[in-house]
PDB file of N, CA and C in Angstrom:
ATOM      1  N   MET A   1    -114.161 -20.219 -73.204  1.00  0.00           N
ATOM      2  CA  MET A   1    -113.776 -20.494 -71.987  1.00  0.00           C
ATOM      3  C   MET A   1    -114.571 -22.006 -71.325  1.00  0.00           C
ATOM      4  N   ASN A   2    -114.068 -22.917 -70.475  1.00  0.00           N
ATOM      5  CA  ASN A   2    -114.899 -24.061 -70.105  1.00  0.00           C
ATOM      6  C   ASN A   2    -115.302 -23.378 -68.601  1.00  0.00           C
ATOM      7  N   LEU A   3    -116.552 -23.572 -67.889  1.00  0.00           N
ATOM      8  CA  LEU A   3    -117.448 -23.159 -66.874  1.00  0.00           C
ATOM      9  C   LEU A   3    -117.502 -24.432 -65.878  1.00  0.00           C
ATOM     10  N   ALA A   4    -117.130 -26.019 -66.763  1.00  0.00           N
ATOM     11  CA  ALA A   4    -117.826 -26.620 -66.131  1.00  0.00           C
ATOM     12  C   ALA A   4    -116.707 -27.609 -64.839  1.00  0.00           C
ATOM     13  N   ALA A   5    -117.178 -27.954 -63.877  1.00  0.00           N
ATOM     14  CA  ALA A   5    -116.307 -28.217 -62.464  1.00  0.00           C
ATOM     15  C   ALA A   5    -115.906 -29.447 -63.082  1.00  0.00           C
ATOM     16  N   SER A   6    -114.460 -29.782 -62.699  1.00  0.00           N
ATOM     17  CA  SER A   6    -114.088 -31.016 -62.494  1.00  0.00           C
ATOM     18  C   SER A   6    -114.652 -31.924 -61.353  1.00  0.00           C
ATOM     19  N   PRO A   7    -114.624 -33.405 -61.698  1.00  0.00           N
ATOM     20  CA  PRO A   7    -115.287 -34.455 -60.852  1.00  0.00           C
ATOM     21  C   PRO A   7    -115.110 -34.103 -59.000  1.00  0.00           C
ATOM     22  N   ALA A   8    -114.050 -33.477 -58.915  1.00  0.00           N
ATOM     23  CA  ALA A   8    -113.264 -33.412 -57.610  1.00  0.00           C
ATOM     24  C   ALA A   8    -114.088 -32.182 -56.911  1.00  0.00           C
ATOM     25  N   GLU A   9    -114.024 -31.374 -57.889  1.00  0.00           N
ATOM     26  CA  GLU A   9    -114.614 -29.890 -57.519  1.00  0.00           C
ATOM     27  C   GLU A   9    -116.125 -30.282 -57.341  1.00  0.00           C
ATOM     28  N   ALA A  10    -116.753 -31.061 -58.072  1.00  0.00           N
ATOM     29  CA  ALA A  10    -118.209 -31.244 -58.033  1.00  0.00           C
ATOM     30  C   ALA A  10    -118.303 -31.650 -56.385  1.00  0.00           C
ATOM     31  N   GLU A  11    -117.578 -32.421 -55.851  1.00  0.00           N
ATOM     32  CA  GLU A  11    -117.764 -33.143 -54.628  1.00  0.00           C
ATOM     33  C   GLU A  11    -117.618 -32.637 -53.560  1.00  0.00           C
ATOM     34  N   ARG A  12    -117.007 -31.457 -53.672  1.00  0.00           N
ATOM     35  CA  ARG A  12    -116.750 -30.531 -52.586  1.00  0.00           C
ATOM     36  C   ARG A  12    -117.705 -29.879 -51.977  1.00  0.00           C
ATOM     37  N   LEU A  13    -117.922 -29.813 -50.699  1.00  0.00           N
ATOM     38  CA  LEU A  13    -119.055 -28.819 -50.019  1.00  0.00           C
ATOM     39  C   LEU A  13    -118.518 -27.665 -49.507  1.00  0.00           C
ATOM     40  N   LEU A  14    -118.927 -26.247 -49.572  1.00  0.00           N
ATOM     41  CA  LEU A  14    -118.834 -25.417 -48.815  1.00  0.00           C
ATOM     42  C   LEU A  14    -119.880 -24.875 -48.021  1.00  0.00           C
ATOM     43  N   ALA A  15    -119.522 -25.010 -46.614  1.00  0.00           N
ATOM     44  CA  ALA A  15    -120.812 -24.396 -46.103  1.00  0.00           C
ATOM     45  C   ALA A  15    -120.294 -23.663 -44.578  1.00  0.00           C
ATOM     46  N   SER A  16    -121.424 -23.134 -43.909  1.00  0.00           N
ATOM     47  CA  SER A  16    -120.834 -22.417 -42.928  1.00  0.00           C
ATOM     48  C   SER A  16    -121.991 -22.247 -41.641  1.00  0.00           C
ATOM     49  N   GLY A  17    -122.084 -22.688 -40.282  1.00  0.00           N
ATOM     50  CA  GLY A  17    -122.952 -22.925 -39.347  1.00  0.00           C
ATOM     51  C   GLY A  17    -122.696 -23.582 -38.219  1.00  0.00           C
ATOM     52  N   THR A  18    -123.076 -24.237 -37.074  1.00  0.00           N
ATOM     53  CA  THR A  18    -123.023 -24.749 -36.210  1.00  0.00           C
ATOM     54  C   THR A  18    -122.724 -25.912 -35.807  1.00  0.00           C
ATOM     55  N   VAL A  19    -121.838 -26.828 -35.624  1.00  0.00           N
ATOM     56  CA  VAL A  19    -121.873 -28.354 -35.545  1.00  0.00           C
ATOM     57  C   VAL A  19    -121.830 -28.630 -33.976  1.00  0.00           C
ATOM     58  N   GLU A  20    -123.339 -29.800 -33.807  1.00  0.00           N
ATOM     59  CA  GLU A  20    -123.874 -30.236 -32.552  1.00  0.00           C
ATOM     60  C   GLU A  20    -123.814 -31.450 -32.807  1.00  0.00           C
ATOM     61  N   ALA A  21    -123.157 -31.851 -31.299  1.00  0.00           N
ATOM     62  CA  ALA A  21    -123.028 -33.691 -31.233  1.00  0.00           C
ATOM     63  C   ALA A  21    -124.522 -33.685 -30.347  1.00  0.00           C
ATOM     64  N   ASP A  22    -124.297 -35.131 -31.266  1.00  0.00           N
ATOM     65  CA  ASP A  22    -125.668 -35.857 -30.543  1.00  0.00           C
ATOM     66  C   ASP A  22    -125.562 -36.603 -29.020  1.00  0.00           C
ATOM     67  N   LYS A  23    -123.992 -37.106 -29.118  1.00  0.00           N
ATOM     68  CA  LYS A  23    -123.750 -37.702 -27.885  1.00  0.00           C
ATOM     69  C   LYS A  23    -122.347 -37.390 -27.532  1.00  0.00           C
ATOM     70  N   VAL A  24    -122.089 -37.298 -25.966  1.00  0.00           N
ATOM     71  CA  VAL A  24    -120.647 -37.081 -25.770  1.00  0.00           C
ATOM     72  C   VAL A  24    -120.707 -37.707 -24.732  1.00  0.00           C
ATOM     73  N   THR A  25    -119.478 -38.494 -24.361  1.00  0.00           N
ATOM     74  CA  THR A  25    -119.190 -39.377 -23.201  1.00  0.00           C
ATOM     75  C   THR A  25    -117.964 -38.238 -22.590  1.00  0.00           C
ATOM     76  N   VAL A  26    -118.536 -38.491 -20.921  1.00  0.00           N
ATOM     77  CA  VAL A  26    -117.685 -37.411 -20.344  1.00  0.00           C
ATOM     78  C   VAL A  26    -117.582 -38.822 -19.146  1.00  0.00           C
ATOM     79  N   THR A  27    -115.797 -38.541 -18.573  1.00  0.00           N
ATOM     80  CA  THR A  27    -115.207 -39.406 -17.652  1.00  0.00           C
ATOM     81  C   THR A  27    -114.905 -38.625 -16.327  1.00  0.00           C
ATOM     82  N   THR A  28    -114.582 -39.174 -15.473  1.00  0.00           N
ATOM     83  CA  THR A  28    -114.306 -38.388 -14.078  1.00  0.00           C
ATOM     84  C   THR A  28    -113.031 -38.848 -13.896  1.00  0.00           C
ATOM     85  N   GLY A  29    -111.939 -38.187 -13.212  1.00  0.00           N
ATOM     86  CA  GLY A  29    -110.480 -38.963 -12.407  1.00  0.00           C
ATOM     87  C   GLY A  29    -111.103 -40.001 -11.405  1.00  0.00           C
ATOM     88  N   THR A  30    -112.035 -39.707 -10.794  1.00  0.00           N
ATOM     89  CA  THR A  30    -112.418 -40.812  -9.629  1.00  0.00           C
ATOM     90  C   THR A  30    -113.906 -41.473  -9.645  1.00  0.00           C
ATOM     91  N   GLY A  31    -114.498 -42.143  -9.327  1.00  0.00           N
ATOM     92  CA  GLY A  31    -115.743 -42.942  -9.248  1.00  0.00           C
ATOM     93  C   GLY A  31    -116.685 -42.114  -8.178  1.00  0.00           C
ATOM     94  N   GLY A  32    -117.601 -42.114  -7.874  1.00  0.00           N
ATOM     95  CA  GLY A  32    -118.559 -41.939  -6.605  1.00  0.00           C
ATOM     96  C   GLY A  32    -120.016 -41.791  -7.347  1.00  0.00           C
ATOM     97  N   ARG A  33    -121.004 -41.846  -5.807  1.00  0.00           N
ATOM     98  CA  ARG A  33    -121.939 -41.248  -6.128  1.00  0.00           C
ATOM     99  C   ARG A  33    -122.440 -39.949  -6.728  1.00  0.00           C
ATOM    100  N   ILE A  34    -123.169 -39.310  -7.499  1.00  0.00           N
ATOM    101  CA  ILE A  34    -123.322 -38.397  -7.942  1.00  0.00           C
ATOM    102  C   ILE A  34    -124.390 -37.653  -5.993  1.00  0.00           C
ATOM    103  N   VAL A  35    -123.988 -36.592  -5.850  1.00  0.00           N
ATOM    104  CA  VAL A  35    -125.125 -35.882  -5.311  1.00  0.00           C
ATOM    105  C   VAL A  35    -125.658 -34.952  -5.485  1.00  0.00           C
ATOM    106  N   GLU A  36    -125.125 -34.066  -6.352  1.00  0.00           N
ATOM    107  CA  GLU A  36    -125.490 -32.928  -7.252  1.00  0.00           C
ATOM    108  C   GLU A  36    -125.358 -32.949  -8.481  1.00  0.00           C
ATOM    109  N   LEU A  37    -126.308 -32.501  -9.642  1.00  0.00           N
ATOM    110  CA  LEU A  37    -126.126 -32.407 -11.016  1.00  0.00           C
ATOM    111  C   LEU A  37    -125.902 -31.024 -11.598  1.00  0.00           C
ATOM    112  N   LEU A  38    -125.402 -30.089 -11.897  1.00  0.00           N
ATOM    113  CA  LEU A  38    -125.213 -29.161 -12.085  1.00  0.00           C
ATOM    114  C   LEU A  38    -125.224 -28.452 -13.588  1.00  0.00           C
ATOM    115  N   VAL A  39    -126.044 -29.127 -14.444  1.00  0.00           N
ATOM    116  CA  VAL A  39    -126.643 -29.015 -15.144  1.00  0.00           C
ATOM    117  C   VAL A  39    -127.548 -29.767 -16.184  1.00  0.00           C
ATOM    118  N   ASN A  40    -128.241 -29.376 -17.082  1.00  0.00           N
ATOM    119  CA  ASN A  40    -129.371 -30.069 -17.537  1.00  0.00           C
ATOM    120  C   ASN A  40    -128.942 -30.639 -18.636  1.00  0.00           C
ATOM    121  N   GLU A  41    -129.710 -31.594 -19.482  1.00  0.00           N
ATOM    122  CA  GLU A  41    -129.653 -32.254 -20.955  1.00  0.00           C
ATOM    123  C   GLU A  41    -130.138 -31.071 -21.953  1.00  0.00           C
ATOM    124  N   GLY A  42    -128.424 -30.289 -22.628  1.00  0.00           N
ATOM    125  CA  GLY A  42    -128.920 -30.073 -23.457  1.00  0.00           C
ATOM    126  C   GLY A  42    -128.433 -28.297 -23.142  1.00  0.00           C
ATOM    127  N   ASP A  43    -127.831 -28.279 -22.149  1.00  0.00           N
ATOM    128  CA  ASP A  43    -127.090 -27.453 -21.653  1.00  0.00           C
ATOM    129  C   ASP A  43    -125.626 -26.912 -22.318  1.00  0.00           C
ATOM    130  N   SER A  44    -125.210 -25.613 -22.700  1.00  0.00           N
ATOM    131  CA  SER A  44    -123.741 -25.666 -22.920  1.00  0.00           C
ATOM    132  C   SER A  44    -122.891 -25.272 -21.829  1.00  0.00           C
ATOM    133  N   VAL A  45    -121.761 -25.927 -22.224  1.00  0.00           N
ATOM    134  CA  VAL A  45    -120.830 -26.059 -20.984  1.00  0.00           C
ATOM    135  C   VAL A  45    -119.459 -25.709 -21.756  1.00  0.00           C
ATOM    136  N   GLU A  46    -118.599 -25.867 -20.902  1.00  0.00           N
ATOM    137  CA  GLU A  46    -116.982 -25.312 -21.132  1.00  0.00           C
ATOM    138  C   GLU A  46    -116.088 -26.023 -20.556  1.00  0.00           C
ATOM    139  N   ALA A  47    -114.987 -26.313 -21.466  1.00  0.00           N
ATOM    140  CA  ALA A  47    -114.018 -27.273 -20.915  1.00  0.00           C
ATOM    141  C   ALA A  47    -113.686 -26.583 -19.503  1.00  0.00           C
ATOM    142  N   GLY A  48    -113.107 -27.760 -18.527  1.00  0.00           N
ATOM    143  CA  GLY A  48    -113.274 -27.609 -17.556  1.00  0.00           C
ATOM    144  C   GLY A  48    -114.178 -27.535 -16.295  1.00  0.00           C
ATOM    145  N   GLN A  49    -115.484 -27.225 -16.956  1.00  0.00           N
ATOM    146  CA  GLN A  49    -116.541 -26.383 -15.684  1.00  0.00           C
ATOM    147  C   GLN A  49    -117.344 -27.742 -15.150  1.00  0.00           C
ATOM    148  N   VAL A  50    -117.348 -27.610 -13.840  1.00  0.00           N
ATOM    149  CA  VAL A  50    -117.886 -28.684 -12.666  1.00  0.00           C
ATOM    150  C   VAL A  50    -119.116 -28.654 -13.571  1.00  0.00           C
ATOM    151  N   VAL A  51    -119.748 -30.168 -13.733  1.00  0.00           N
ATOM    152  CA  VAL A  51    -121.207 -30.524 -14.189  1.00  0.00           C
ATOM    153  C   VAL A  51    -121.635 -31.189 -12.803  1.00  0.00           C
ATOM    154  N   VAL A  52    -120.878 -32.105 -12.402  1.00  0.00           N
ATOM    155  CA  VAL A  52    -121.852 -32.940 -11.284  1.00  0.00           C
ATOM    156  C   VAL A  52    -120.787 -33.016  -9.753  1.00  0.00           C
ATOM    157  N   ARG A  53    -121.332 -33.187  -8.863  1.00  0.00           N
ATOM    158  CA  ARG A  53    -120.584 -33.185  -7.538  1.00  0.00           C
ATOM    159  C   ARG A  53    -120.831 -34.487  -6.555  1.00  0.00           C
ATOM    160  N   LEU A  54    -119.613 -34.920  -6.847  1.00  0.00           N
ATOM    161  CA  LEU A  54    -119.634 -36.554  -5.842  1.00  0.00           C
ATOM    162  C   LEU A  54    -119.612 -36.635  -4.522  1.00  0.00           C
ATOM    163  N   ASP A  55    -120.649 -37.791  -4.091  1.00  0.00           N
ATOM    164  CA  ASP A  55    -120.243 -37.771  -2.384  1.00  0.00           C
ATOM    165  C   ASP A  55    -118.910 -37.915  -2.083  1.00  0.00           C
ATOM    166  N   ALA A  56    -118.175 -37.014  -1.452  1.00  0.00           N
ATOM    167  CA  ALA A  56    -116.884 -37.418  -0.829  1.00  0.00           C
ATOM    168  C   ALA A  56    -116.814 -37.981   0.451  1.00  0.00           C
ATOM    169  N   ALA A  57    -117.706 -38.878   0.955  1.00  0.00           N
ATOM    170  CA  ALA A  57    -117.625 -39.516   2.126  1.00  0.00           C
ATOM    171  C   ALA A  57    -116.807 -41.109   1.974  1.00  0.00           C
ATOM    172  N   SER A  58    -116.986 -41.685   0.748  1.00  0.00           N
ATOM    173  CA  SER A  58    -116.070 -42.333   0.195  1.00  0.00           C
ATOM    174  C   SER A  58    -114.411 -41.980   0.469  1.00  0.00           C
ATOM    175  N   LEU A  59    -114.166 -41.027  -0.151  1.00  0.00           N
ATOM    176  CA  LEU A  59    -112.961 -40.650  -0.570  1.00  0.00           C
ATOM    177  C   LEU A  59    -112.009 -40.267   0.776  1.00  0.00           C
ATOM    178  N   GLU A  60    -113.519 -39.186   1.847  1.00  0.00           N
ATOM    179  CA  GLU A  60    -112.610 -39.231   3.171  1.00  0.00           C
ATOM    180  C   GLU A  60    -112.072 -40.284   4.018  1.00  0.00           C
ATOM    181  N   ALA A  61    -112.954 -41.327   3.833  1.00  0.00           N
ATOM    182  CA  ALA A  61    -112.796 -42.749   4.491  1.00  0.00           C
ATOM    183  C   ALA A  61    -111.405 -42.942   4.201  1.00  0.00           C
ATOM    184  N   GLN A  62    -111.467 -43.060   2.735  1.00  0.00           N
ATOM    185  CA  GLN A  62    -110.134 -43.315   1.940  1.00  0.00           C
ATOM    186  C   GLN A  62    -108.848 -42.500   2.736  1.00  0.00           C
ATOM    187  N   ILE A  63    -108.806 -41.454   2.733  1.00  0.00           N
ATOM    188  CA  ILE A  63    -107.827 -40.539   3.946  1.00  0.00           C
ATOM    189  C   ILE A  63    -107.788 -40.705   4.868  1.00  0.00           C
ATOM    190  N   THR A  64    -108.525 -41.184   5.796  1.00  0.00           N
ATOM    191  CA  THR A  64    -108.662 -41.599   7.008  1.00  0.00           C
ATOM    192  C   THR A  64    -107.914 -42.770   7.271  1.00  0.00           C
ATOM    193  N   GLN A  65    -107.806 -43.814   6.079  1.00  0.00           N
ATOM    194  CA  GLN A  65    -107.524 -45.045   6.369  1.00  0.00           C
ATOM    195  C   GLN A  65    -106.335 -44.848   6.096  1.00  0.00           C
ATOM    196  N   THR A  66    -105.684 -43.959   5.224  1.00  0.00           N
ATOM    197  CA  THR A  66    -104.391 -43.553   4.436  1.00  0.00           C
ATOM    198  C   THR A  66    -103.656 -43.082   5.316  1.00  0.00           C
ATOM    199  N   GLU A  67    -104.200 -41.950   6.388  1.00  0.00           N
ATOM    200  CA  GLU A  67    -103.485 -41.254   7.044  1.00  0.00           C
ATOM    201  C   GLU A  67    -102.926 -42.701   8.818  1.00  0.00           C
ATOM    202  N   ALA A  68    -104.024 -43.572   8.888  1.00  0.00           N
ATOM    203  CA  ALA A  68    -103.986 -44.259   9.660  1.00  0.00           C
ATOM    204  C   ALA A  68    -102.989 -45.349   9.469  1.00  0.00           C
ATOM    205  N   ALA A  69    -102.664 -45.621   8.379  1.00  0.00           N
ATOM    206  CA  ALA A  69    -101.517 -46.349   7.747  1.00  0.00           C
ATOM    207  C   ALA A  69    -100.165 -46.314   7.784  1.00  0.00           C
ATOM    208  N   VAL A  70    -100.302 -44.505   7.737  1.00  0.00           N
ATOM    209  CA  VAL A  70     -98.952 -44.078   7.765  1.00  0.00           C
ATOM    210  C   VAL A  70     -98.215 -44.082   9.430  1.00  0.00           C
ATOM    211  N   VAL A  71     -99.415 -43.654  10.291  1.00  0.00           N
ATOM    212  CA  VAL A  71     -98.930 -43.708  11.541  1.00  0.00           C
ATOM    213  C   VAL A  71     -98.506 -45.320  11.991  1.00  0.00           C
ATOM    214  N   VAL A  72     -99.071 -46.283  11.724  1.00  0.00           N
ATOM    215  CA  VAL A  72     -99.015 -47.696  12.019  1.00  0.00           C
ATOM    216  C   VAL A  72     -97.641 -47.824  11.185  1.00  0.00           C
ATOM    217  N   ALA A  73     -97.187 -46.952   9.953  1.00  0.00           N
ATOM    218  CA  ALA A  73     -96.239 -47.481   9.281  1.00  0.00           C
ATOM    219  C   ALA A  73     -94.953 -47.132   9.967  1.00  0.00           C
ATOM    220  N   GLU A  74     -95.138 -45.701  10.461  1.00  0.00           N
ATOM    221  CA  GLU A  74     -94.160 -44.848  11.239  1.00  0.00           C
ATOM    222  C   GLU A  74     -93.613 -45.482  12.581  1.00  0.00           C
ATOM    223  N   ALA A  75     -94.743 -46.328  13.517  1.00  0.00           N
ATOM    224  CA  ALA A  75     -94.728 -46.630  14.503  1.00  0.00           C
ATOM    225  C   ALA A  75     -93.610 -48.216  14.338  1.00  0.00           C
ATOM    226  N   GLN A  76     -94.144 -48.758  13.327  1.00  0.00           N
ATOM    227  CA  GLN A  76     -93.294 -49.899  12.928  1.00  0.00           C
ATOM    228  C   GLN A  76     -92.201 -49.846  12.554  1.00  0.00           C
ATOM    229  N   HIS A  77     -91.536 -48.972  11.692  1.00  0.00           N
ATOM    230  CA  HIS A  77     -90.681 -48.086  11.589  1.00  0.00           C
ATOM    231  C   HIS A  77     -89.701 -47.978  13.088  1.00  0.00           C
ATOM    232  N   ALA A  78     -90.302 -46.995  13.571  1.00  0.00           N
ATOM    233  CA  ALA A  78     -89.462 -46.694  14.969  1.00  0.00           C
ATOM    234  C   ALA A  78     -89.433 -47.729  15.796  1.00  0.00           C
ATOM    235  N   LEU A  79     -90.439 -48.756  15.709  1.00  0.00           N
ATOM    236  CA  LEU A  79     -89.999 -50.046  16.254  1.00  0.00           C
ATOM    237  C   LEU A  79     -88.529 -50.753  16.114  1.00  0.00           C
ATOM    238  N   ASP A  80     -88.789 -50.477  14.675  1.00  0.00           N
ATOM    239  CA  ASP A  80     -87.101 -51.170  14.170  1.00  0.00           C
ATOM    240  C   ASP A  80     -86.291 -50.761  13.688  1.00  0.00           C
ATOM    241  N   ASN A  81     -86.232 -49.288  14.205  1.00  0.00           N
ATOM    242  CA  ASN A  81     -85.128 -48.012  14.181  1.00  0.00           C
ATOM    243  C   ASN A  81     -85.311 -47.246  15.275  1.00  0.00           C
ATOM    244  N   PRO A  82     -84.903 -47.974  16.543  1.00  0.00           N
ATOM    245  CA  PRO A  82     -85.162 -47.187  17.730  1.00  0.00           C
ATOM    246  C   PRO A  82     -84.330 -45.442  17.662  1.00  0.00           C
ATOM    247  N   CYS A  83     -83.345 -45.644  16.804  1.00  0.00           N
ATOM    248  CA  CYS A  83     -82.732 -43.890  17.148  1.00  0.00           C
ATOM    249  C   CYS A  83     -83.476 -43.206  16.140  1.00  0.00           C
ATOM    250  N   LEU A  84     -84.597 -43.245  15.718  1.00  0.00           N
ATOM    251  CA  LEU A  84     -85.367 -42.824  14.626  1.00  0.00           C
ATOM    252  C   LEU A  84     -86.831 -42.695  15.461  1.00  0.00           C
ATOM    253  N   ALA A  85     -86.907 -42.931  16.373  1.00  0.00           N
ATOM    254  CA  ALA A  85     -88.578 -43.112  17.414  1.00  0.00           C
ATOM    255  C   ALA A  85     -88.951 -41.341  17.699  1.00  0.00           C
ATOM    256  N   LEU A  86     -89.954 -41.730  16.970  1.00  0.00           N
ATOM    257  CA  LEU A  86     -90.805 -39.936  17.621  1.00  0.00           C
ATOM    258  C   LEU A  86     -90.659 -39.438  18.772  1.00  0.00           C
ATOM    259  N   LYS A  87     -90.299 -38.260  19.221  1.00  0.00           N
ATOM    260  CA  LYS A  87     -90.110 -37.551  20.266  1.00  0.00           C
ATOM    261  C   LYS A  87     -92.009 -37.208  20.997  1.00  0.00           C
ATOM    262  N   PRO A  88     -92.341 -37.472  21.921  1.00  0.00           N
ATOM    263  CA  PRO A  88     -93.631 -36.756  22.505  1.00  0.00           C
ATOM    264  C   PRO A  88     -93.952 -35.295  21.700  1.00  0.00           C
ATOM    265  N   GLY A  89     -94.561 -34.925  21.141  1.00  0.00           N
ATOM    266  CA  GLY A  89     -94.919 -33.778  20.561  1.00  0.00           C
ATOM    267  C   GLY A  89     -94.518 -33.538  19.235  1.00  0.00           C
ATOM    268  N   MET A  90     -93.958 -34.326  18.455  1.00  0.00           N
ATOM    269  CA  MET A  90     -93.431 -34.257  17.043  1.00  0.00           C
ATOM    270  C   MET A  90     -94.161 -34.455  16.042  1.00  0.00           C
ATOM    271  N   PRO A  91     -94.801 -33.805  15.120  1.00  0.00           N
ATOM    272  CA  PRO A  91     -95.711 -34.229  14.159  1.00  0.00           C
ATOM    273  C   PRO A  91     -95.296 -35.357  13.664  1.00  0.00           C
ATOM    274  N   ALA A  92     -96.614 -35.999  13.431  1.00  0.00           N
ATOM    275  CA  ALA A  92     -96.366 -37.111  12.500  1.00  0.00           C
ATOM    276  C   ALA A  92     -94.963 -37.015  10.943  1.00  0.00           C
ATOM    277  N   GLY A  93     -94.683 -38.005  10.874  1.00  0.00           N
ATOM    278  CA  GLY A  93     -93.475 -37.849   9.742  1.00  0.00           C
ATOM    279  C   GLY A  93     -92.165 -37.295  10.242  1.00  0.00           C
ATOM    280  N   ALA A  94     -91.657 -36.524  11.333  1.00  0.00           N
ATOM    281  CA  ALA A  94     -90.660 -36.293  11.613  1.00  0.00           C
ATOM    282  C   ALA A  94     -89.630 -37.025  11.753  1.00  0.00           C
ATOM    283  N   GLY A  95     -90.175 -38.163  12.079  1.00  0.00           N
ATOM    284  CA  GLY A  95     -89.289 -39.474  12.604  1.00  0.00           C
ATOM    285  C   GLY A  95     -88.411 -39.951  11.275  1.00  0.00           C
ATOM    286  N   LEU A  96     -89.344 -39.632  10.282  1.00  0.00           N
ATOM    287  CA  LEU A  96     -88.826 -40.346   8.880  1.00  0.00           C
ATOM    288  C   LEU A  96     -87.907 -39.411   7.984  1.00  0.00           C
ATOM    289  N   LYS A  97     -88.088 -38.027   8.297  1.00  0.00           N
ATOM    290  CA  LYS A  97     -87.517 -36.954   7.489  1.00  0.00           C
ATOM    291  C   LYS A  97     -85.867 -37.319   7.289  1.00  0.00           C
ATOM    292  N   GLY A  98     -85.033 -37.300   6.238  1.00  0.00           N
ATOM    293  CA  GLY A  98     -83.852 -37.843   5.747  1.00  0.00           C
ATOM    294  C   GLY A  98     -83.591 -38.978   5.772  1.00  0.00           C
ATOM    295  N   VAL A  99     -84.742 -40.097   5.991  1.00  0.00           N
ATOM    296  CA  VAL A  99     -84.656 -41.737   5.327  1.00  0.00           C
ATOM    297  C   VAL A  99     -84.767 -42.123   4.330  1.00  0.00           C
TER     298      VAL A  99
END
């Protein structure tokens, strides 16, 4: 009986334990200034866990600008198409429904 391992078997390593990463890249869906860091270096985190809070001021300004652009576009559209003009008290966007 031959107990010698083949060269392929001699290079195989079986082990159990924990795998740790030295470096992980984290990205966000949007940029911004970090106002709160919710974890510390070395903390365990799970997929989907919030790890930072970003300053919402720039995003809120973008929302305000976009809302203003919608109002301007609706006003221009109403001028170009008088039959679709908004009546007093109608919500924004009401004159564009079905267009």
